[in-house]
Amino acid sequence: MTVGDLVRVKDVFTGHGTYEVDKNLVGMIVQGPNEVGKIKVLFTDGWITWLHTNEIELMPKERSYLKE
């Protein structure tokens, strides 16, 4: 994972438990990962937050399966 990679949020861990995200959130890594495994993610609506690397999945850079 490097700065500029696109990620999709799978689920969110809080002190009260694990929550699945209802909508498809896609963001870009702007900082990290740091020493505890968190990355700063910028979302399309301008929201910036720290997420743990277990909460996200990398989106493929090339979608060659759509090409003929």
Protein backbone atom coordinates (compact mmCIF):
# COMPACT_ATOMS: atom_id res chain seq x y z
CA MET A 1 0.00 0.00 0.00
CA THR A 2 1.38 3.35 -1.03
CA VAL A 3 0.11 6.90 -1.20
CA GLY A 4 -2.22 7.33 -4.16
CA ASP A 5 -3.65 3.79 -4.15
CA LEU A 6 -7.42 3.46 -4.32
CA VAL A 7 -9.11 1.49 -1.55
CA ARG A 8 -12.61 0.27 -0.74
CA VAL A 9 -13.90 0.14 2.85
CA LYS A 10 -14.98 -3.39 3.85
CA ASP A 11 -16.07 -2.92 7.43
CA VAL A 12 -15.36 -0.63 10.36
CA PHE A 13 -14.14 -1.70 13.80
CA THR A 14 -15.16 0.37 16.81
CA GLY A 15 -15.12 -0.09 20.56
CA HIS A 16 -18.70 -1.32 20.33
CA GLY A 17 -18.13 -3.97 17.68
CA THR A 18 -17.75 -4.49 13.96
CA TYR A 19 -20.02 -2.74 11.48
CA GLU A 20 -20.42 -3.50 7.79
CA VAL A 21 -20.64 -0.41 5.63
CA ASP A 22 -24.00 0.00 3.89
CA LYS A 23 -22.75 1.97 0.90
CA ASN A 24 -19.73 1.42 -1.28
CA LEU A 25 -17.05 3.81 0.03
CA VAL A 26 -14.04 4.35 -2.22
CA GLY A 27 -11.13 6.53 -1.21
CA MET A 28 -7.48 7.27 -1.86
CA ILE A 29 -4.59 6.75 0.55
CA VAL A 30 -3.04 10.11 1.44
CA GLN A 31 -0.74 9.07 4.32
CA GLY A 32 0.57 5.91 5.97
CA PRO A 33 0.64 3.15 6.89
CA ASN A 34 2.04 4.16 10.27
CA GLU A 35 3.58 1.99 12.97
CA VAL A 36 0.21 0.65 14.19
CA GLY A 37 -1.07 -0.21 10.70
CA LYS A 38 -3.40 2.73 10.11
CA ILE A 39 -3.69 4.73 6.91
CA LYS A 40 -5.24 8.13 6.26
CA VAL A 41 -7.92 7.91 3.56
CA LEU A 42 -9.50 10.75 1.56
CA PHE A 43 -13.00 9.97 0.31
CA THR A 44 -14.81 11.45 -2.70
CA ASP A 45 -17.00 13.69 -0.51
CA GLY A 46 -13.94 15.30 1.13
CA TRP A 47 -14.08 13.28 4.36
CA ILE A 48 -10.62 12.31 5.68
CA THR A 49 -10.18 9.61 8.34
CA TRP A 50 -7.70 7.10 9.70
CA LEU A 51 -8.61 3.45 9.03
CA HIS A 52 -6.81 0.28 9.97
CA THR A 53 -5.45 -1.79 7.08
CA ASN A 54 -7.80 -4.65 8.06
CA GLU A 55 -10.79 -2.41 7.36
CA ILE A 56 -9.98 -1.76 3.71
CA GLU A 57 -9.20 -3.66 0.53
CA LEU A 58 -7.07 -2.45 -2.35
CA MET A 59 -8.79 -1.85 -5.66
CA PRO A 60 -7.03 -3.29 -8.71
CA LYS A 61 -4.98 -0.80 -10.69
CA GLU A 62 -5.77 -2.42 -14.03
CA ARG A 63 -9.13 -3.77 -14.96
CA SER A 64 -7.92 -5.75 -17.93
CA TYR A 65 -10.73 -8.28 -17.64
CA LEU A 66 -13.10 -5.70 -19.17
CA LYS A 67 -10.95 -5.37 -22.31
CA GLU A 68 -11.16 -7.70 -25.27
